Amino acid sequence: MFHSQLLLLLIISSIAYGLFGRKKNITVTGELNCGRNYYSNVRVELWEADTIGPDDKLNVTYTNNSGQFKIFGQAREIRNIEPYLKMHHFCKHGVHDVVRFKKLFIISLFIYENYMK
């Protein structure tokens, strides 16, 4: 009786873990330039790509006067998260132009389960 209850508890725990997954964290720091100039006030969005359903927006920030940004996001996933950045800008070959956006995927080497400051 005890062994069957223990086995049932282990099975339920495994299923619950599989349904809810683990929280994964990502922090991205960077600097944007337009030609040789710092690119300030650029909207930077951190997204997480989903196979099924729409992608999840994790966070939004803007570059500072030096073109630098730091953005943090987290998502609960069964597998690794697939984060990417969307940057809304006006720069084309170093010259200000019409609104554009750049999508940049982040390699999985930089994804953590625990946030480390």
PDB file of N, CA and C in Angstrom:
ATOM      1  N   MET A   1       0.827  -1.193   0.000  1.00  0.00           N
ATOM      2  CA  MET A   1       0.000   0.000   0.000  1.00  0.00           C
ATOM      3  C   MET A   1       0.877   1.264   0.000  1.00  0.00           C
ATOM      4  N   PHE A   2       1.869   1.304   0.891  1.00  0.00           N
ATOM      5  CA  PHE A   2       2.760   2.465   0.992  1.00  0.00           C
ATOM      6  C   PHE A   2       3.526   2.674  -0.306  1.00  0.00           C
ATOM      7  N   HIS A   3       4.016   1.585  -0.907  1.00  0.00           N
ATOM      8  CA  HIS A   3       4.791   1.687  -2.146  1.00  0.00           C
ATOM      9  C   HIS A   3       3.934   2.220  -3.292  1.00  0.00           C
ATOM     10  N   SER A   4       2.694   1.792  -3.361  1.00  0.00           N
ATOM     11  CA  SER A   4       1.824   2.277  -4.436  1.00  0.00           C
ATOM     12  C   SER A   4       1.494   3.761  -4.238  1.00  0.00           C
ATOM     13  N   GLN A   5       1.338   4.200  -2.980  1.00  0.00           N
ATOM     14  CA  GLN A   5       1.083   5.619  -2.716  1.00  0.00           C
ATOM     15  C   GLN A   5       2.307   6.465  -3.063  1.00  0.00           C
ATOM     16  N   LEU A   6       3.477   5.948  -2.724  1.00  0.00           N
ATOM     17  CA  LEU A   6       4.716   6.652  -3.047  1.00  0.00           C
ATOM     18  C   LEU A   6       4.896   6.750  -4.562  1.00  0.00           C
ATOM     19  N   LEU A   7       4.620   5.665  -5.250  1.00  0.00           N
ATOM     20  CA  LEU A   7       4.724   5.655  -6.706  1.00  0.00           C
ATOM     21  C   LEU A   7       3.734   6.649  -7.320  1.00  0.00           C
ATOM     22  N   LEU A   8       2.518   6.674  -6.808  1.00  0.00           N
ATOM     23  CA  LEU A   8       1.509   7.611  -7.292  1.00  0.00           C
ATOM     24  C   LEU A   8       1.953   9.059  -7.055  1.00  0.00           C
ATOM     25  N   LEU A   9       2.532   9.331  -5.903  1.00  0.00           N
ATOM     26  CA  LEU A   9       3.027  10.671  -5.590  1.00  0.00           C
ATOM     27  C   LEU A   9       4.142  11.082  -6.554  1.00  0.00           C
ATOM     28  N   LEU A  10       5.048  10.169  -6.850  1.00  0.00           N
ATOM     29  CA  LEU A  10       6.133  10.465  -7.791  1.00  0.00           C
ATOM     30  C   LEU A  10       5.592  10.736  -9.192  1.00  0.00           C
ATOM     31  N   ILE A  11       4.607   9.975  -9.599  1.00  0.00           N
ATOM     32  CA  ILE A  11       4.018  10.171 -10.927  1.00  0.00           C
ATOM     33  C   ILE A  11       3.320  11.527 -11.005  1.00  0.00           C
ATOM     34  N   ILE A  12       2.543  11.857  -9.980  1.00  0.00           N
ATOM     35  CA  ILE A  12       1.844  13.144  -9.962  1.00  0.00           C
ATOM     36  C   ILE A  12       2.840  14.301  -9.945  1.00  0.00           C
ATOM     37  N   SER A  13       3.918  14.161  -9.182  1.00  0.00           N
ATOM     38  CA  SER A  13       4.953  15.206  -9.131  1.00  0.00           C
ATOM     39  C   SER A  13       5.591  15.409 -10.497  1.00  0.00           C
ATOM     40  N   SER A  14       5.882  14.310 -11.174  1.00  0.00           N
ATOM     41  CA  SER A  14       6.495  14.395 -12.500  1.00  0.00           C
ATOM     42  C   SER A  14       5.559  15.061 -13.495  1.00  0.00           C
ATOM     43  N   ILE A  15       4.287  14.727 -13.428  1.00  0.00           N
ATOM     44  CA  ILE A  15       3.312  15.332 -14.332  1.00  0.00           C
ATOM     45  C   ILE A  15       3.182  16.825 -14.044  1.00  0.00           C
ATOM     46  N   ALA A  16       3.107  17.188 -12.768  1.00  0.00           N
ATOM     47  CA  ALA A  16       2.985  18.602 -12.399  1.00  0.00           C
ATOM     48  C   ALA A  16       4.200  19.389 -12.880  1.00  0.00           C
ATOM     49  N   TYR A  17       5.387  18.823 -12.732  1.00  0.00           N
ATOM     50  CA  TYR A  17       6.605  19.490 -13.211  1.00  0.00           C
ATOM     51  C   TYR A  17       6.537  19.673 -14.719  1.00  0.00           C
ATOM     52  N   GLY A  18       6.085  18.639 -15.401  1.00  0.00           N
ATOM     53  CA  GLY A  18       5.984  18.715 -16.851  1.00  0.00           C
ATOM     54  C   GLY A  18       4.955  19.725 -17.317  1.00  0.00           C
ATOM     55  N   LEU A  19       3.876  19.875 -16.587  1.00  0.00           N
ATOM     56  CA  LEU A  19       2.833  20.821 -16.976  1.00  0.00           C
ATOM     57  C   LEU A  19       3.251  22.267 -16.755  1.00  0.00           C
ATOM     58  N   PHE A  20       3.926  22.510 -15.677  1.00  0.00           N
ATOM     59  CA  PHE A  20       4.251  23.888 -15.326  1.00  0.00           C
ATOM     60  C   PHE A  20       5.672  24.292 -15.696  1.00  0.00           C
ATOM     61  N   GLY A  21       6.585  23.353 -15.829  1.00  0.00           N
ATOM     62  CA  GLY A  21       7.956  23.660 -16.212  1.00  0.00           C
ATOM     63  C   GLY A  21       8.717  24.408 -15.140  1.00  0.00           C
ATOM     64  N   ARG A  22       9.864  24.948 -15.550  1.00  0.00           N
ATOM     65  CA  ARG A  22      10.720  25.722 -14.650  1.00  0.00           C
ATOM     66  C   ARG A  22      10.800  27.153 -15.131  1.00  0.00           C
ATOM     67  N   LYS A  23      11.057  28.041 -14.198  1.00  0.00           N
ATOM     68  CA  LYS A  23      11.222  29.446 -14.546  1.00  0.00           C
ATOM     69  C   LYS A  23      12.633  29.649 -15.089  1.00  0.00           C
ATOM     70  N   LYS A  24      12.725  30.220 -16.280  1.00  0.00           N
ATOM     71  CA  LYS A  24      14.013  30.509 -16.916  1.00  0.00           C
ATOM     72  C   LYS A  24      14.174  32.020 -16.997  1.00  0.00           C
ATOM     73  N   ASN A  25      15.407  32.485 -16.780  1.00  0.00           N
ATOM     74  CA  ASN A  25      15.706  33.917 -16.751  1.00  0.00           C
ATOM     75  C   ASN A  25      16.718  34.283 -17.819  1.00  0.00           C
ATOM     76  N   ILE A  26      16.612  35.504 -18.282  1.00  0.00           N
ATOM     77  CA  ILE A  26      17.589  36.024 -19.234  1.00  0.00           C
ATOM     78  C   ILE A  26      17.779  37.519 -18.962  1.00  0.00           C
ATOM     79  N   THR A  27      19.018  37.954 -18.952  1.00  0.00           N
ATOM     80  CA  THR A  27      19.353  39.373 -18.874  1.00  0.00           C
ATOM     81  C   THR A  27      20.242  39.690 -20.065  1.00  0.00           C
ATOM     82  N   VAL A  28      19.881  40.717 -20.795  1.00  0.00           N
ATOM     83  CA  VAL A  28      20.646  41.106 -21.976  1.00  0.00           C
ATOM     84  C   VAL A  28      21.121  42.541 -21.778  1.00  0.00           C
ATOM     85  N   THR A  29      22.403  42.765 -22.001  1.00  0.00           N
ATOM     86  CA  THR A  29      22.954  44.119 -22.000  1.00  0.00           C
ATOM     87  C   THR A  29      23.550  44.376 -23.375  1.00  0.00           C
ATOM     88  N   GLY A  30      23.473  45.601 -23.815  1.00  0.00           N
ATOM     89  CA  GLY A  30      24.009  45.906 -25.131  1.00  0.00           C
ATOM     90  C   GLY A  30      24.148  47.393 -25.353  1.00  0.00           C
ATOM     91  N   GLU A  31      24.661  47.728 -26.521  1.00  0.00           N
ATOM     92  CA  GLU A  31      24.851  49.117 -26.922  1.00  0.00           C
ATOM     93  C   GLU A  31      24.507  49.227 -28.396  1.00  0.00           C
ATOM     94  N   LEU A  32      23.723  50.236 -28.734  1.00  0.00           N
ATOM     95  CA  LEU A  32      23.333  50.462 -30.122  1.00  0.00           C
ATOM     96  C   LEU A  32      23.972  51.737 -30.641  1.00  0.00           C
ATOM     97  N   ASN A  33      24.446  51.658 -31.869  1.00  0.00           N
ATOM     98  CA  ASN A  33      25.032  52.811 -32.544  1.00  0.00           C
ATOM     99  C   ASN A  33      24.381  52.963 -33.909  1.00  0.00           C
ATOM    100  N   CYS A  34      24.298  54.200 -34.377  1.00  0.00           N
ATOM    101  CA  CYS A  34      23.857  54.477 -35.741  1.00  0.00           C
ATOM    102  C   CYS A  34      25.047  55.128 -36.427  1.00  0.00           C
ATOM    103  N   GLY A  35      25.736  54.356 -37.231  1.00  0.00           N
ATOM    104  CA  GLY A  35      27.002  54.830 -37.780  1.00  0.00           C
ATOM    105  C   GLY A  35      28.015  54.907 -36.661  1.00  0.00           C
ATOM    106  N   ARG A  36      28.595  56.077 -36.460  1.00  0.00           N
ATOM    107  CA  ARG A  36      29.570  56.265 -35.375  1.00  0.00           C
ATOM    108  C   ARG A  36      28.966  56.971 -34.170  1.00  0.00           C
ATOM    109  N   ASN A  37      27.667  57.175 -34.182  1.00  0.00           N
ATOM    110  CA  ASN A  37      26.996  57.900 -33.099  1.00  0.00           C
ATOM    111  C   ASN A  37      26.241  56.942 -32.187  1.00  0.00           C
ATOM    112  N   TYR A  38      26.197  57.295 -30.897  1.00  0.00           N
ATOM    113  CA  TYR A  38      25.365  56.536 -29.971  1.00  0.00           C
ATOM    114  C   TYR A  38      23.916  56.683 -30.408  1.00  0.00           C
ATOM    115  N   TYR A  39      23.145  55.648 -30.165  1.00  0.00           N
ATOM    116  CA  TYR A  39      21.745  55.670 -30.594  1.00  0.00           C
ATOM    117  C   TYR A  39      20.850  55.605 -29.367  1.00  0.00           C
ATOM    118  N   SER A  40      20.383  56.769 -28.918  1.00  0.00           N
ATOM    119  CA  SER A  40      19.595  56.845 -27.684  1.00  0.00           C
ATOM    120  C   SER A  40      18.098  56.747 -27.969  1.00  0.00           C
ATOM    121  N   ASN A  41      17.364  56.408 -26.918  1.00  0.00           N
ATOM    122  CA  ASN A  41      15.904  56.343 -26.932  1.00  0.00           C
ATOM    123  C   ASN A  41      15.343  55.351 -27.956  1.00  0.00           C
ATOM    124  N   VAL A  42      16.050  54.255 -28.188  1.00  0.00           N
ATOM    125  CA  VAL A  42      15.565  53.194 -29.073  1.00  0.00           C
ATOM    126  C   VAL A  42      14.775  52.196 -28.228  1.00  0.00           C
ATOM    127  N   ARG A  43      13.601  51.835 -28.687  1.00  0.00           N
ATOM    128  CA  ARG A  43      12.762  50.864 -27.974  1.00  0.00           C
ATOM    129  C   ARG A  43      13.330  49.465 -28.197  1.00  0.00           C
ATOM    130  N   VAL A  44      13.637  48.772 -27.087  1.00  0.00           N
ATOM    131  CA  VAL A  44      14.169  47.406 -27.128  1.00  0.00           C
ATOM    132  C   VAL A  44      13.174  46.510 -26.394  1.00  0.00           C
ATOM    133  N   GLU A  45      12.674  45.487 -27.083  1.00  0.00           N
ATOM    134  CA  GLU A  45      11.715  44.554 -26.495  1.00  0.00           C
ATOM    135  C   GLU A  45      12.356  43.179 -26.386  1.00  0.00           C
ATOM    136  N   LEU A  46      12.122  42.509 -25.266  1.00  0.00           N
ATOM    137  CA  LEU A  46      12.586  41.140 -25.062  1.00  0.00           C
ATOM    138  C   LEU A  46      11.381  40.222 -25.217  1.00  0.00           C
ATOM    139  N   TRP A  47      11.475  39.284 -26.150  1.00  0.00           N
ATOM    140  CA  TRP A  47      10.389  38.356 -26.462  1.00  0.00           C
ATOM    141  C   TRP A  47      10.842  36.921 -26.252  1.00  0.00           C
ATOM    142  N   GLU A  48       9.874  36.027 -26.112  1.00  0.00           N
ATOM    143  CA  GLU A  48      10.138  34.590 -26.012  1.00  0.00           C
ATOM    144  C   GLU A  48       9.300  33.906 -27.082  1.00  0.00           C
ATOM    145  N   ALA A  49       9.978  33.191 -27.990  1.00  0.00           N
ATOM    146  CA  ALA A  49       9.303  32.524 -29.103  1.00  0.00           C
ATOM    147  C   ALA A  49       8.583  31.271 -28.611  1.00  0.00           C
ATOM    148  N   ASP A  50       7.341  31.117 -29.026  1.00  0.00           N
ATOM    149  CA  ASP A  50       6.556  29.928 -28.700  1.00  0.00           C
ATOM    150  C   ASP A  50       6.273  29.147 -29.973  1.00  0.00           C
ATOM    151  N   THR A  51       6.364  27.831 -29.876  1.00  0.00           N
ATOM    152  CA  THR A  51       6.070  26.977 -31.019  1.00  0.00           C
ATOM    153  C   THR A  51       4.580  27.001 -31.324  1.00  0.00           C
ATOM    154  N   ILE A  52       3.781  26.887 -30.276  1.00  0.00           N
ATOM    155  CA  ILE A  52       2.329  26.906 -30.415  1.00  0.00           C
ATOM    156  C   ILE A  52       1.817  28.192 -29.781  1.00  0.00           C
ATOM    157  N   GLY A  53       1.041  28.943 -30.508  1.00  0.00           N
ATOM    158  CA  GLY A  53       0.483  30.185 -29.980  1.00  0.00           C
ATOM    159  C   GLY A  53       1.393  31.367 -30.241  1.00  0.00           C
ATOM    160  N   PRO A  54       0.922  32.553 -29.857  1.00  0.00           N
ATOM    161  CA  PRO A  54       1.719  33.765 -30.095  1.00  0.00           C
ATOM    162  C   PRO A  54       2.924  33.848 -29.161  1.00  0.00           C
ATOM    163  N   ASP A  55       3.953  34.555 -29.608  1.00  0.00           N
ATOM    164  CA  ASP A  55       5.141  34.769 -28.777  1.00  0.00           C
ATOM    165  C   ASP A  55       4.781  35.639 -27.573  1.00  0.00           C
ATOM    166  N   ASP A  56       5.591  35.519 -26.507  1.00  0.00           N
ATOM    167  CA  ASP A  56       5.346  36.260 -25.271  1.00  0.00           C
ATOM    168  C   ASP A  56       6.311  37.434 -25.156  1.00  0.00           C
ATOM    169  N   LYS A  57       5.766  38.627 -24.904  1.00  0.00           N
ATOM    170  CA  LYS A  57       6.619  39.787 -24.648  1.00  0.00           C
ATOM    171  C   LYS A  57       7.011  39.744 -23.175  1.00  0.00           C
ATOM    172  N   LEU A  58       8.322  39.684 -22.887  1.00  0.00           N
ATOM    173  CA  LEU A  58       8.810  39.563 -21.521  1.00  0.00           C
ATOM    174  C   LEU A  58       9.079  40.916 -20.867  1.00  0.00           C
ATOM    175  N   ASN A  59       9.570  41.888 -21.647  1.00  0.00           N
ATOM    176  CA  ASN A  59       9.909  43.180 -21.058  1.00  0.00           C
ATOM    177  C   ASN A  59      10.194  44.192 -22.163  1.00  0.00           C
ATOM    178  N   VAL A  60      10.198  45.468 -21.797  1.00  0.00           N
ATOM    179  CA  VAL A  60      10.496  46.566 -22.724  1.00  0.00           C
ATOM    180  C   VAL A  60      11.398  47.561 -22.007  1.00  0.00           C
ATOM    181  N   THR A  61      12.363  48.108 -22.735  1.00  0.00           N
ATOM    182  CA  THR A  61      13.210  49.174 -22.203  1.00  0.00           C
ATOM    183  C   THR A  61      13.614  50.088 -23.354  1.00  0.00           C
ATOM    184  N   TYR A  62      14.328  51.156 -23.030  1.00  0.00           N
ATOM    185  CA  TYR A  62      14.843  52.091 -24.033  1.00  0.00           C
ATOM    186  C   TYR A  62      16.331  52.302 -23.791  1.00  0.00           C
ATOM    187  N   THR A  63      17.072  52.566 -24.863  1.00  0.00           N
ATOM    188  CA  THR A  63      18.501  52.841 -24.709  1.00  0.00           C
ATOM    189  C   THR A  63      18.686  54.209 -24.048  1.00  0.00           C
ATOM    190  N   ASN A  64      19.787  54.333 -23.292  1.00  0.00           N
ATOM    191  CA  ASN A  64      20.087  55.606 -22.626  1.00  0.00           C
ATOM    192  C   ASN A  64      20.818  56.544 -23.593  1.00  0.00           C
ATOM    193  N   ASN A  65      21.325  57.665 -23.095  1.00  0.00           N
ATOM    194  CA  ASN A  65      22.008  58.650 -23.947  1.00  0.00           C
ATOM    195  C   ASN A  65      23.263  58.105 -24.604  1.00  0.00           C
ATOM    196  N   SER A  66      23.844  57.055 -24.020  1.00  0.00           N
ATOM    197  CA  SER A  66      25.041  56.425 -24.595  1.00  0.00           C
ATOM    198  C   SER A  66      24.693  55.229 -25.467  1.00  0.00           C
ATOM    199  N   GLY A  67      23.411  55.030 -25.745  1.00  0.00           N
ATOM    200  CA  GLY A  67      22.986  53.913 -26.586  1.00  0.00           C
ATOM    201  C   GLY A  67      22.973  52.577 -25.871  1.00  0.00           C
ATOM    202  N   GLN A  68      23.159  52.576 -24.560  1.00  0.00           N
ATOM    203  CA  GLN A  68      23.238  51.322 -23.802  1.00  0.00           C
ATOM    204  C   GLN A  68      21.877  50.938 -23.231  1.00  0.00           C
ATOM    205  N   PHE A  69      21.690  49.614 -23.064  1.00  0.00           N
ATOM    206  CA  PHE A  69      20.465  49.118 -22.453  1.00  0.00           C
ATOM    207  C   PHE A  69      20.758  47.854 -21.658  1.00  0.00           C
ATOM    208  N   LYS A  70      19.870  47.561 -20.719  1.00  0.00           N
ATOM    209  CA  LYS A  70      19.900  46.315 -19.962  1.00  0.00           C
ATOM    210  C   LYS A  70      18.448  45.909 -19.768  1.00  0.00           C
ATOM    211  N   ILE A  71      18.136  44.667 -20.113  1.00  0.00           N
ATOM    212  CA  ILE A  71      16.757  44.201 -20.030  1.00  0.00           C
ATOM    213  C   ILE A  71      16.729  42.795 -19.449  1.00  0.00           C
ATOM    214  N   PHE A  72      15.773  42.546 -18.563  1.00  0.00           N
ATOM    215  CA  PHE A  72      15.624  41.263 -17.874  1.00  0.00           C
ATOM    216  C   PHE A  72      14.248  40.701 -18.194  1.00  0.00           C
ATOM    217  N   GLY A  73      14.183  39.380 -18.353  1.00  0.00           N
ATOM    218  CA  GLY A  73      12.895  38.721 -18.554  1.00  0.00           C
ATOM    219  C   GLY A  73      12.936  37.309 -18.023  1.00  0.00           C
ATOM    220  N   GLN A  74      11.758  36.780 -17.746  1.00  0.00           N
ATOM    221  CA  GLN A  74      11.662  35.396 -17.294  1.00  0.00           C
ATOM    222  C   GLN A  74      10.369  34.790 -17.808  1.00  0.00           C
ATOM    223  N   ALA A  75      10.407  33.479 -18.016  1.00  0.00           N
ATOM    224  CA  ALA A  75       9.239  32.742 -18.480  1.00  0.00           C
ATOM    225  C   ALA A  75       9.309  31.337 -17.913  1.00  0.00           C
ATOM    226  N   ARG A  76       8.155  30.775 -17.676  1.00  0.00           N
ATOM    227  CA  ARG A  76       8.072  29.404 -17.184  1.00  0.00           C
ATOM    228  C   ARG A  76       7.837  28.503 -18.395  1.00  0.00           C
ATOM    229  N   GLU A  77       8.779  27.619 -18.647  1.00  0.00           N
ATOM    230  CA  GLU A  77       8.706  26.724 -19.800  1.00  0.00           C
ATOM    231  C   GLU A  77       9.164  25.329 -19.405  1.00  0.00           C
ATOM    232  N   ILE A  78       8.653  24.336 -20.100  1.00  0.00           N
ATOM    233  CA  ILE A  78       9.088  22.960 -19.878  1.00  0.00           C
ATOM    234  C   ILE A  78      10.485  22.784 -20.464  1.00  0.00           C
ATOM    235  N   ARG A  79      10.685  23.291 -21.653  1.00  0.00           N
ATOM    236  CA  ARG A  79      12.001  23.252 -22.297  1.00  0.00           C
ATOM    237  C   ARG A  79      12.672  24.605 -22.102  1.00  0.00           C
ATOM    238  N   ASN A  80      13.823  24.772 -22.746  1.00  0.00           N
ATOM    239  CA  ASN A  80      14.494  26.070 -22.681  1.00  0.00           C
ATOM    240  C   ASN A  80      13.657  27.133 -23.371  1.00  0.00           C
ATOM    241  N   ILE A  81      13.775  28.359 -22.898  1.00  0.00           N
ATOM    242  CA  ILE A  81      13.106  29.461 -23.568  1.00  0.00           C
ATOM    243  C   ILE A  81      13.901  29.827 -24.818  1.00  0.00           C
ATOM    244  N   GLU A  82      13.236  30.464 -25.766  1.00  0.00           N
ATOM    245  CA  GLU A  82      13.870  30.913 -27.003  1.00  0.00           C
ATOM    246  C   GLU A  82      13.720  32.434 -27.092  1.00  0.00           C
ATOM    247  N   PRO A  83      14.552  33.165 -26.346  1.00  0.00           N
ATOM    248  CA  PRO A  83      14.400  34.622 -26.308  1.00  0.00           C
ATOM    249  C   PRO A  83      14.982  35.305 -27.543  1.00  0.00           C
ATOM    250  N   TYR A  84      14.387  36.445 -27.862  1.00  0.00           N
ATOM    251  CA  TYR A  84      14.939  37.291 -28.917  1.00  0.00           C
ATOM    252  C   TYR A  84      14.606  38.746 -28.609  1.00  0.00           C
ATOM    253  N   LEU A  85      15.371  39.634 -29.219  1.00  0.00           N
ATOM    254  CA  LEU A  85      15.165  41.076 -29.056  1.00  0.00           C
ATOM    255  C   LEU A  85      14.508  41.641 -30.305  1.00  0.00           C
ATOM    256  N   LYS A  86      13.612  42.588 -30.101  1.00  0.00           N
ATOM    257  CA  LYS A  86      13.079  43.406 -31.190  1.00  0.00           C
ATOM    258  C   LYS A  86      13.517  44.830 -30.896  1.00  0.00           C
ATOM    259  N   MET A  87      14.157  45.457 -31.872  1.00  0.00           N
ATOM    260  CA  MET A  87      14.611  46.833 -31.704  1.00  0.00           C
ATOM    261  C   MET A  87      13.946  47.699 -32.762  1.00  0.00           C
ATOM    262  N   HIS A  88      13.231  48.708 -32.324  1.00  0.00           N
ATOM    263  CA  HIS A  88      12.545  49.631 -33.221  1.00  0.00           C
ATOM    264  C   HIS A  88      13.448  50.847 -33.408  1.00  0.00           C
ATOM    265  N   HIS A  89      13.895  51.076 -34.636  1.00  0.00           N
ATOM    266  CA  HIS A  89      14.887  52.131 -34.861  1.00  0.00           C
ATOM    267  C   HIS A  89      14.666  52.822 -36.201  1.00  0.00           C
ATOM    268  N   PHE A  90      15.460  53.862 -36.449  1.00  0.00           N
ATOM    269  CA  PHE A  90      15.368  54.656 -37.673  1.00  0.00           C
ATOM    270  C   PHE A  90      16.702  54.678 -38.424  1.00  0.00           C
ATOM    271  N   CYS A  91      17.585  53.747 -38.155  1.00  0.00           N
ATOM    272  CA  CYS A  91      18.937  53.798 -38.708  1.00  0.00           C
ATOM    273  C   CYS A  91      19.084  52.833 -39.891  1.00  0.00           C
ATOM    274  N   LYS A  92      19.626  53.341 -40.998  1.00  0.00           N
ATOM    275  CA  LYS A  92      19.913  52.498 -42.163  1.00  0.00           C
ATOM    276  C   LYS A  92      21.286  52.895 -42.686  1.00  0.00           C
ATOM    277  N   HIS A  93      22.238  51.998 -42.558  1.00  0.00           N
ATOM    278  CA  HIS A  93      23.615  52.236 -43.014  1.00  0.00           C
ATOM    279  C   HIS A  93      24.191  53.525 -42.426  1.00  0.00           C
ATOM    280  N   GLY A  94      23.913  53.764 -41.130  1.00  0.00           N
ATOM    281  CA  GLY A  94      24.479  54.915 -40.443  1.00  0.00           C
ATOM    282  C   GLY A  94      23.730  56.220 -40.643  1.00  0.00           C
ATOM    283  N   VAL A  95      22.597  56.172 -41.345  1.00  0.00           N
ATOM    284  CA  VAL A  95      21.814  57.380 -41.616  1.00  0.00           C
ATOM    285  C   VAL A  95      20.396  57.165 -41.093  1.00  0.00           C
ATOM    286  N   HIS A  96      19.806  58.206 -40.478  1.00  0.00           N
ATOM    287  CA  HIS A  96      18.425  58.101 -40.006  1.00  0.00           C
ATOM    288  C   HIS A  96      17.486  57.953 -41.197  1.00  0.00           C
ATOM    289  N   ASP A  97      16.518  57.033 -41.071  1.00  0.00           N
ATOM    290  CA  ASP A  97      15.623  56.686 -42.169  1.00  0.00           C
ATOM    291  C   ASP A  97      14.232  56.433 -41.582  1.00  0.00           C
ATOM    292  N   VAL A  98      13.410  55.699 -42.269  1.00  0.00           N
ATOM    293  CA  VAL A  98      12.066  55.351 -41.782  1.00  0.00           C
ATOM    294  C   VAL A  98      12.153  54.315 -40.661  1.00  0.00           C
ATOM    295  N   VAL A  99      11.025  54.109 -39.961  1.00  0.00           N
ATOM    296  CA  VAL A  99      10.997  53.153 -38.847  1.00  0.00           C
ATOM    297  C   VAL A  99      11.294  51.745 -39.352  1.00  0.00           C
ATOM    298  N   ARG A 100      12.182  51.063 -38.669  1.00  0.00           N
ATOM    299  CA  ARG A 100      12.535  49.670 -38.973  1.00  0.00           C
ATOM    300  C   ARG A 100      12.541  48.894 -37.672  1.00  0.00           C
ATOM    301  N   PHE A 101      12.499  47.581 -37.775  1.00  0.00           N
ATOM    302  CA  PHE A 101      12.705  46.792 -36.568  1.00  0.00           C
ATOM    303  C   PHE A 101      13.595  45.618 -36.896  1.00  0.00           C
ATOM    304  N   LYS A 102      14.434  45.291 -35.953  1.00  0.00           N
ATOM    305  CA  LYS A 102      15.407  44.210 -36.092  1.00  0.00           C
ATOM    306  C   LYS A 102      15.054  43.136 -35.086  1.00  0.00           C
ATOM    307  N   LYS A 103      15.057  41.868 -35.514  1.00  0.00           N
ATOM    308  CA  LYS A 103      14.776  40.732 -34.636  1.00  0.00           C
ATOM    309  C   LYS A 103      16.076  39.948 -34.475  1.00  0.00           C
ATOM    310  N   LEU A 104      16.538  39.800 -33.238  1.00  0.00           N
ATOM    311  CA  LEU A 104      17.826  39.178 -32.953  1.00  0.00           C
ATOM    312  C   LEU A 104      17.648  38.079 -31.913  1.00  0.00           C
ATOM    313  N   PHE A 105      17.848  36.812 -32.320  1.00  0.00           N
ATOM    314  CA  PHE A 105      17.716  35.694 -31.382  1.00  0.00           C
ATOM    315  C   PHE A 105      18.951  35.601 -30.490  1.00  0.00           C
ATOM    316  N   ILE A 106      18.748  35.136 -29.257  1.00  0.00           N
ATOM    317  CA  ILE A 106      19.809  35.029 -28.253  1.00  0.00           C
ATOM    318  C   ILE A 106      20.155  33.560 -28.088  1.00  0.00           C
ATOM    319  N   ILE A 107      21.437  33.222 -28.149  1.00  0.00           N
ATOM    320  CA  ILE A 107      21.824  31.815 -28.062  1.00  0.00           C
ATOM    321  C   ILE A 107      21.576  31.260 -26.662  1.00  0.00           C
ATOM    322  N   SER A 108      21.284  29.973 -26.589  1.00  0.00           N
ATOM    323  CA  SER A 108      20.861  29.340 -25.330  1.00  0.00           C
ATOM    324  C   SER A 108      21.951  29.304 -24.266  1.00  0.00           C
ATOM    325  N   LEU A 109      23.184  29.559 -24.622  1.00  0.00           N
ATOM    326  CA  LEU A 109      24.284  29.577 -23.658  1.00  0.00           C
ATOM    327  C   LEU A 109      24.048  30.603 -22.550  1.00  0.00           C
ATOM    328  N   PHE A 110      23.278  31.644 -22.845  1.00  0.00           N
ATOM    329  CA  PHE A 110      23.086  32.741 -21.904  1.00  0.00           C
ATOM    330  C   PHE A 110      21.769  32.681 -21.139  1.00  0.00           C
ATOM    331  N   ILE A 111      21.082  31.543 -21.158  1.00  0.00           N
ATOM    332  CA  ILE A 111      19.806  31.390 -20.465  1.00  0.00           C
ATOM    333  C   ILE A 111      20.042  30.648 -19.163  1.00  0.00           C
ATOM    334  N   TYR A 112      19.510  31.171 -18.060  1.00  0.00           N
ATOM    335  CA  TYR A 112      19.736  30.591 -16.742  1.00  0.00           C
ATOM    336  C   TYR A 112      18.422  30.232 -16.073  1.00  0.00           C
ATOM    337  N   GLU A 113      18.485  29.255 -15.185  1.00  0.00           N
ATOM    338  CA  GLU A 113      17.325  28.907 -14.385  1.00  0.00           C
ATOM    339  C   GLU A 113      17.272  29.764 -13.135  1.00  0.00           C
ATOM    340  N   ASN A 114      18.404  30.234 -12.672  1.00  0.00           N
ATOM    341  CA  ASN A 114      18.470  31.103 -11.501  1.00  0.00           C
ATOM    342  C   ASN A 114      19.084  32.420 -11.917  1.00  0.00           C
ATOM    343  N   TYR A 115      18.489  33.509 -11.479  1.00  0.00           N
ATOM    344  CA  TYR A 115      19.007  34.828 -11.826  1.00  0.00           C
ATOM    345  C   TYR A 115      20.207  35.139 -10.952  1.00  0.00           C
ATOM    346  N   MET A 116      21.317  35.471 -11.591  1.00  0.00           N
ATOM    347  CA  MET A 116      22.544  35.795 -10.863  1.00  0.00           C
ATOM    348  C   MET A 116      22.887  37.254 -11.118  1.00  0.00           C
ATOM    349  N   LYS A 117      22.999  38.050 -10.056  1.00  0.00           N
ATOM    350  CA  LYS A 117      23.372  39.458 -10.216  1.00  0.00           C
ATOM    351  C   LYS A 117      24.867  39.598 -10.167  1.00  0.00           C
TER     352      LYS A 117
END
